[in-house]
Amino acid sequence: MLGITNGQNGTPREYTSVDRVIVLGFYDGATGGLLQFEENGSEYQFDLDPEYGEPGLTTTGRSFILRLLPANAIQRVITAITPFETPRWPVWFVRWHELSESSRENLSAVIDAIEADAGPAIWQMSTADPWSFSKFAIHPIVEPQTI
């Protein structure tokens, strides 16, 4: 249903790598952006998990929450950024510091509009490698039950 289940029992599928990551936030590694686990697969916005404190760091890595994006959201962001820099895959750290202030503001508005279409947080992803996302674990976010 969401591109991360294995289709047999609904448990999270194990991935060994991501296909594309656009890192839009950075603090000694990724803090937020967009990602896709496999070519033509579902696309997600990721942000630091607020459950893990500021800035979402754990002693063994980082924890992110994932929100499902509409199809082609990543391509829309690529189209918006490529006039300023060339994509670098599989993990593209956008170099905001090289843009003029007006370009940053305009680009941020376009990206904010695309990210506004993201659904609710549905997955939690942990990684010890917020640079290349070479190893990670994904788990569904379980809604708290009301009693």
C-alpha atoms as a PDB file:
ATOM      1  CA  MET A   1       0.000   0.000   0.000  1.00  0.00           C
ATOM      2  CA  LEU A   2       2.697   2.507   0.931  1.00  0.00           C
ATOM      3  CA  GLY A   3       5.620   1.065  -1.009  1.00  0.00           C
ATOM      4  CA  ILE A   4       7.434  -0.278   2.037  1.00  0.00           C
ATOM      5  CA  THR A   5       5.422  -3.418   2.831  1.00  0.00           C
ATOM      6  CA  ASN A   6       6.440  -6.815   1.514  1.00  0.00           C
ATOM      7  CA  GLY A   7       2.903  -7.704   0.461  1.00  0.00           C
ATOM      8  CA  GLN A   8       2.774 -10.955   2.431  1.00  0.00           C
ATOM      9  CA  ASN A   9       2.068 -10.007   6.010  1.00  0.00           C
ATOM     10  CA  GLY A  10       2.232  -6.206   5.994  1.00  0.00           C
ATOM     11  CA  THR A  11       5.532  -6.035   7.880  1.00  0.00           C
ATOM     12  CA  PRO A  12       8.123  -3.472   6.809  1.00  0.00           C
ATOM     13  CA  ARG A  13      10.292  -4.536   3.928  1.00  0.00           C
ATOM     14  CA  GLU A  14      14.026  -4.421   4.463  1.00  0.00           C
ATOM     15  CA  TYR A  15      15.924  -2.142   2.122  1.00  0.00           C
ATOM     16  CA  THR A  16      19.675  -2.086   1.777  1.00  0.00           C
ATOM     17  CA  SER A  17      19.856   1.316   0.101  1.00  0.00           C
ATOM     18  CA  VAL A  18      17.880   4.249  -1.137  1.00  0.00           C
ATOM     19  CA  ASP A  19      17.483   5.094  -4.809  1.00  0.00           C
ATOM     20  CA  ARG A  20      17.411   8.875  -4.426  1.00  0.00           C
ATOM     21  CA  VAL A  21      17.694  11.263  -1.488  1.00  0.00           C
ATOM     22  CA  ILE A  22      17.489  15.049  -1.711  1.00  0.00           C
ATOM     23  CA  VAL A  23      18.862  16.471   1.535  1.00  0.00           C
ATOM     24  CA  LEU A  24      17.268  19.861   2.153  1.00  0.00           C
ATOM     25  CA  GLY A  25      18.281  20.238   5.803  1.00  0.00           C
ATOM     26  CA  PHE A  26      21.738  19.575   7.175  1.00  0.00           C
ATOM     27  CA  TYR A  27      23.466  19.617  10.541  1.00  0.00           C
ATOM     28  CA  ASP A  28      26.453  17.256  10.585  1.00  0.00           C
ATOM     29  CA  GLY A  29      24.422  14.957   8.322  1.00  0.00           C
ATOM     30  CA  ALA A  30      20.917  15.023   6.933  1.00  0.00           C
ATOM     31  CA  THR A  31      18.138  16.524   9.028  1.00  0.00           C
ATOM     32  CA  GLY A  32      15.375  16.561   6.421  1.00  0.00           C
ATOM     33  CA  GLY A  33      14.482  16.241   2.774  1.00  0.00           C
ATOM     34  CA  LEU A  34      12.893  13.838   0.311  1.00  0.00           C
ATOM     35  CA  LEU A  35      13.682  10.215  -0.477  1.00  0.00           C
ATOM     36  CA  GLN A  36      12.709   7.308  -2.660  1.00  0.00           C
ATOM     37  CA  PHE A  37      13.691   3.730  -1.833  1.00  0.00           C
ATOM     38  CA  GLU A  38      13.522   2.239  -5.311  1.00  0.00           C
ATOM     39  CA  GLU A  39      13.226   3.556  -8.836  1.00  0.00           C
ATOM     40  CA  ASN A  40       9.622   4.558  -9.544  1.00  0.00           C
ATOM     41  CA  GLY A  41       8.696   3.696  -5.946  1.00  0.00           C
ATOM     42  CA  SER A  42       6.795   5.748  -3.402  1.00  0.00           C
ATOM     43  CA  GLU A  43       8.264   9.107  -2.448  1.00  0.00           C
ATOM     44  CA  TYR A  44       8.564  10.436   1.097  1.00  0.00           C
ATOM     45  CA  GLN A  45       9.375  13.613   2.957  1.00  0.00           C
ATOM     46  CA  PHE A  46      11.644  12.956   5.931  1.00  0.00           C
ATOM     47  CA  ASP A  47      12.297  15.069   9.015  1.00  0.00           C
ATOM     48  CA  LEU A  48      14.034  14.453  12.318  1.00  0.00           C
ATOM     49  CA  ASP A  49      11.832  12.496  14.682  1.00  0.00           C
ATOM     50  CA  PRO A  50      10.758  14.852  17.507  1.00  0.00           C
ATOM     51  CA  GLU A  51      10.563  11.860  19.866  1.00  0.00           C
ATOM     52  CA  TYR A  52      14.370  11.727  19.889  1.00  0.00           C
ATOM     53  CA  GLY A  53      14.992  15.270  21.092  1.00  0.00           C
ATOM     54  CA  GLU A  54      16.964  18.057  19.486  1.00  0.00           C
ATOM     55  CA  PRO A  55      18.052  17.763  16.822  1.00  0.00           C
ATOM     56  CA  GLY A  56      16.683  14.202  16.541  1.00  0.00           C
ATOM     57  CA  LEU A  57      20.022  12.647  17.336  1.00  0.00           C
ATOM     58  CA  THR A  58      20.477   9.363  19.130  1.00  0.00           C
ATOM     59  CA  THR A  59      23.701   7.921  20.470  1.00  0.00           C
ATOM     60  CA  THR A  60      23.850   5.563  17.494  1.00  0.00           C
ATOM     61  CA  GLY A  61      22.562   7.785  14.685  1.00  0.00           C
ATOM     62  CA  ARG A  62      19.438   9.635  13.667  1.00  0.00           C
ATOM     63  CA  SER A  63      15.768   8.905  13.646  1.00  0.00           C
ATOM     64  CA  PHE A  64      13.433  10.349  11.019  1.00  0.00           C
ATOM     65  CA  ILE A  65       9.703  10.337  10.418  1.00  0.00           C
ATOM     66  CA  LEU A  66       8.492   9.696   6.858  1.00  0.00           C
ATOM     67  CA  ARG A  67       5.425  11.203   5.227  1.00  0.00           C
ATOM     68  CA  LEU A  68       4.095   9.921   1.901  1.00  0.00           C
ATOM     69  CA  LEU A  69       4.298  12.437  -0.947  1.00  0.00           C
ATOM     70  CA  PRO A  70       2.270  12.510  -4.163  1.00  0.00           C
ATOM     71  CA  ALA A  71       3.887  10.888  -7.198  1.00  0.00           C
ATOM     72  CA  ASN A  72       6.484  13.048  -8.961  1.00  0.00           C
ATOM     73  CA  ALA A  73       7.124  15.294  -5.949  1.00  0.00           C
ATOM     74  CA  ILE A  74      10.842  14.515  -6.153  1.00  0.00           C
ATOM     75  CA  GLN A  75      10.912  15.340  -9.869  1.00  0.00           C
ATOM     76  CA  ARG A  76       9.216  18.674  -9.145  1.00  0.00           C
ATOM     77  CA  VAL A  77      11.905  19.502  -6.558  1.00  0.00           C
ATOM     78  CA  ILE A  78      14.654  18.418  -8.975  1.00  0.00           C
ATOM     79  CA  THR A  79      13.174  20.699 -11.640  1.00  0.00           C
ATOM     80  CA  ALA A  80      13.115  23.611  -9.181  1.00  0.00           C
ATOM     81  CA  ILE A  81      16.720  23.130  -7.989  1.00  0.00           C
ATOM     82  CA  THR A  82      18.575  22.159 -11.186  1.00  0.00           C
ATOM     83  CA  PRO A  83      18.799  25.725 -12.543  1.00  0.00           C
ATOM     84  CA  PHE A  84      21.086  26.374  -9.554  1.00  0.00           C
ATOM     85  CA  GLU A  85      23.054  23.119  -9.280  1.00  0.00           C
ATOM     86  CA  THR A  86      23.403  19.671 -10.813  1.00  0.00           C
ATOM     87  CA  PRO A  87      21.944  16.673  -8.939  1.00  0.00           C
ATOM     88  CA  ARG A  88      24.411  14.262  -7.327  1.00  0.00           C
ATOM     89  CA  TRP A  89      22.950  10.792  -6.771  1.00  0.00           C
ATOM     90  CA  PRO A  90      22.164   8.720  -4.851  1.00  0.00           C
ATOM     91  CA  VAL A  91      22.312  11.333  -2.050  1.00  0.00           C
ATOM     92  CA  TRP A  92      22.189  14.987  -3.089  1.00  0.00           C
ATOM     93  CA  PHE A  93      23.017  17.532  -0.394  1.00  0.00           C
ATOM     94  CA  VAL A  94      21.572  20.802  -1.711  1.00  0.00           C
ATOM     95  CA  ARG A  95      24.115  23.591  -1.266  1.00  0.00           C
ATOM     96  CA  TRP A  96      21.857  26.359   0.006  1.00  0.00           C
ATOM     97  CA  HIS A  97      24.846  28.489   1.051  1.00  0.00           C
ATOM     98  CA  GLU A  98      25.839  28.948  -2.606  1.00  0.00           C
ATOM     99  CA  LEU A  99      22.497  30.515  -3.569  1.00  0.00           C
ATOM    100  CA  SER A 100      21.648  34.187  -3.378  1.00  0.00           C
ATOM    101  CA  GLU A 101      19.192  35.190  -0.673  1.00  0.00           C
ATOM    102  CA  SER A 102      16.408  35.818  -3.188  1.00  0.00           C
ATOM    103  CA  SER A 103      17.049  32.447  -4.897  1.00  0.00           C
ATOM    104  CA  ARG A 104      16.947  30.676  -1.516  1.00  0.00           C
ATOM    105  CA  GLU A 105      13.653  32.362  -0.631  1.00  0.00           C
ATOM    106  CA  ASN A 106      12.055  31.556  -3.992  1.00  0.00           C
ATOM    107  CA  LEU A 107      13.273  27.963  -3.974  1.00  0.00           C
ATOM    108  CA  SER A 108      12.165  27.486  -0.359  1.00  0.00           C
ATOM    109  CA  ALA A 109       8.653  28.654  -1.260  1.00  0.00           C
ATOM    110  CA  VAL A 110       8.433  26.131  -4.123  1.00  0.00           C
ATOM    111  CA  ILE A 111       9.722  23.274  -1.940  1.00  0.00           C
ATOM    112  CA  ASP A 112       7.444  24.252   0.971  1.00  0.00           C
ATOM    113  CA  ALA A 113       4.438  24.063  -1.375  1.00  0.00           C
ATOM    114  CA  ILE A 114       5.480  20.586  -2.571  1.00  0.00           C
ATOM    115  CA  GLU A 115       6.097  19.360   0.990  1.00  0.00           C
ATOM    116  CA  ALA A 116       2.710  20.754   2.086  1.00  0.00           C
ATOM    117  CA  ASP A 117       1.127  17.921   0.080  1.00  0.00           C
ATOM    118  CA  ALA A 118       2.781  15.267   2.291  1.00  0.00           C
ATOM    119  CA  GLY A 119       0.475  13.002   4.245  1.00  0.00           C
ATOM    120  CA  PRO A 120       0.709  12.235   7.962  1.00  0.00           C
ATOM    121  CA  ALA A 121       3.772  10.574   9.487  1.00  0.00           C
ATOM    122  CA  ILE A 122       3.471   6.852   8.725  1.00  0.00           C
ATOM    123  CA  TRP A 123       7.003   5.426   9.030  1.00  0.00           C
ATOM    124  CA  GLN A 124       9.937   5.874  11.371  1.00  0.00           C
ATOM    125  CA  MET A 125      13.408   5.380   9.920  1.00  0.00           C
ATOM    126  CA  SER A 126      16.618   5.043  11.937  1.00  0.00           C
ATOM    127  CA  THR A 127      20.106   5.241  10.490  1.00  0.00           C
ATOM    128  CA  ALA A 128      23.627   5.401  11.824  1.00  0.00           C
ATOM    129  CA  ASP A 129      24.637   6.990   8.509  1.00  0.00           C
ATOM    130  CA  PRO A 130      22.850  10.303   7.806  1.00  0.00           C
ATOM    131  CA  TRP A 131      25.325  10.940   4.964  1.00  0.00           C
ATOM    132  CA  SER A 132      24.723   8.039   2.578  1.00  0.00           C
ATOM    133  CA  PHE A 133      21.766   6.233   4.198  1.00  0.00           C
ATOM    134  CA  SER A 134      23.651   2.998   3.509  1.00  0.00           C
ATOM    135  CA  LYS A 135      22.101   1.179   6.477  1.00  0.00           C
ATOM    136  CA  PHE A 136      18.748   1.892   8.062  1.00  0.00           C
ATOM    137  CA  ALA A 137      15.672   0.354   9.651  1.00  0.00           C
ATOM    138  CA  ILE A 138      12.051   1.278   8.926  1.00  0.00           C
ATOM    139  CA  HIS A 139       9.074   0.687  11.204  1.00  0.00           C
ATOM    140  CA  PRO A 140       5.425   1.741  10.959  1.00  0.00           C
ATOM    141  CA  ILE A 141       4.327   4.499  13.301  1.00  0.00           C
ATOM    142  CA  VAL A 142       1.704   3.094  15.604  1.00  0.00           C
ATOM    143  CA  GLU A 143      -0.977   5.571  16.585  1.00  0.00           C
ATOM    144  CA  PRO A 144      -1.497   5.831  20.344  1.00  0.00           C
ATOM    145  CA  GLN A 145      -4.641   4.056  21.399  1.00  0.00           C
ATOM    146  CA  THR A 146      -7.276   5.939  23.362  1.00  0.00           C
ATOM    147  CA  ILE A 147      -8.641   4.230  26.447  1.00  0.00           C
END
